[in-house]
Structure formats: structure tokens, C-alpha cells
Amino acid sequence: MELLSLSEWCAIHKKDPGNVRRLIQQGRIPAQKIGNQWVIASDTLPPADRRIKSGKYKNWRKSSTQPEE
């Protein structure tokens, strides 16, 4: 198993190092700290993007705040 520094892993997967550090702290990316540097296994994939991209969230307030007739 090859270990990559956080910056190397971010360059390969085109991710922002600040966001990756946050994901590591949340436990969504497995990593180890050696000294003062995070290292990530080279075969670790980035977590799935959990953002809502369909636009379905935009109308949820309209339906819940309108008075019933």
C-alpha cells in the first residue's frame, strides 16, 4: 500500500486540500497523521458528492407554507 501526502492525493483527484482536511476530520476519508502531515492511501477514492443538484429542494417551502383551503 502506497501512502500519498494530502497535497499529492488532492492533485491526483483534483480536490481542494482544505475541504479534504475537513472530510478527514469528519471521518469521510480515511487518513493517518504522520508527524504534522496527513497521508492517505493511494487507492482511496474521494467520497460521493452529497449535494442536491436536481433543483428539487427549491420548491419545498412553497408547498409547506401555503395555507390550506
Protein backbone atom coordinates (compact mmCIF):
# COMPACT_ATOMS: atom_id res chain seq x y z
CA MET A 1 0.00 0.00 0.00
CA GLU A 2 1.48 3.30 -1.11
CA LEU A 3 0.84 6.38 1.01
CA LEU A 4 0.43 9.82 -0.56
CA SER A 5 0.66 13.18 1.13
CA LEU A 6 -2.54 15.16 1.31
CA SER A 7 -1.36 17.57 -1.40
CA GLU A 8 -0.36 14.71 -3.74
CA TRP A 9 -3.72 12.98 -3.26
CA CYS A 10 -5.57 16.26 -3.86
CA ALA A 11 -3.62 16.89 -7.07
CA ILE A 12 -4.47 13.43 -8.41
CA HIS A 13 -8.20 13.70 -7.59
CA LYS A 14 -8.50 17.47 -8.29
CA LYS A 15 -9.79 18.28 -4.80
CA ASP A 16 -9.21 21.29 -2.55
CA PRO A 17 -6.84 20.47 0.36
CA GLY A 18 -8.90 22.48 2.85
CA ASN A 19 -12.05 20.54 2.01
CA VAL A 20 -10.16 17.25 2.16
CA ARG A 21 -8.87 18.10 5.66
CA ARG A 22 -12.47 18.79 6.71
CA LEU A 23 -13.61 15.44 5.24
CA ILE A 24 -10.80 13.69 7.11
CA GLN A 25 -11.92 15.27 10.38
CA GLN A 26 -15.50 14.18 9.67
CA GLY A 27 -14.28 10.62 9.07
CA ARG A 28 -15.41 10.54 5.44
CA ILE A 29 -11.86 9.99 4.13
CA PRO A 30 -9.60 7.51 5.96
CA ALA A 31 -6.19 9.04 6.65
CA GLN A 32 -3.32 8.88 9.12
CA LYS A 33 -1.27 11.65 10.58
CA ILE A 34 2.49 11.14 10.49
CA GLY A 35 4.19 13.93 12.37
CA ASN A 36 2.29 17.03 11.32
CA GLN A 37 1.30 15.76 7.85
CA TRP A 38 -1.77 13.81 6.74
CA VAL A 39 -1.18 10.78 4.50
CA ILE A 40 -3.83 8.94 2.50
CA ALA A 41 -3.61 5.51 0.86
CA SER A 42 -3.16 5.83 -2.89
CA ASP A 43 -6.16 3.55 -3.60
CA THR A 44 -8.57 5.69 -1.53
CA LEU A 45 -11.33 7.23 -3.64
CA PRO A 46 -12.98 10.57 -2.86
CA PRO A 47 -16.38 10.31 -1.16
CA ALA A 48 -19.54 10.73 -3.19
CA ASP A 49 -20.81 14.27 -3.67
CA ARG A 50 -23.91 14.61 -1.48
CA ARG A 51 -25.06 17.99 -2.82
CA ILE A 52 -28.55 18.21 -4.32
CA LYS A 53 -28.13 19.12 -7.97
CA SER A 54 -31.61 18.37 -9.29
CA GLY A 55 -33.24 21.57 -8.03
CA LYS A 56 -35.96 19.62 -6.18
CA TYR A 57 -35.10 21.36 -2.90
CA LYS A 58 -36.15 24.78 -4.27
CA ASN A 59 -39.90 24.18 -4.01
CA TRP A 60 -40.16 22.50 -0.61
CA ARG A 61 -41.00 25.76 1.24
CA LYS A 62 -43.67 26.85 -1.20
CA SER A 63 -45.72 23.73 -0.64
CA SER A 64 -45.32 23.73 3.17
CA THR A 65 -46.05 27.45 3.84
CA GLN A 66 -49.15 27.90 1.72
CA PRO A 67 -52.38 27.84 3.76
CA GLU A 68 -54.73 25.00 3.11
CA GLU A 69 -58.11 25.91 1.64
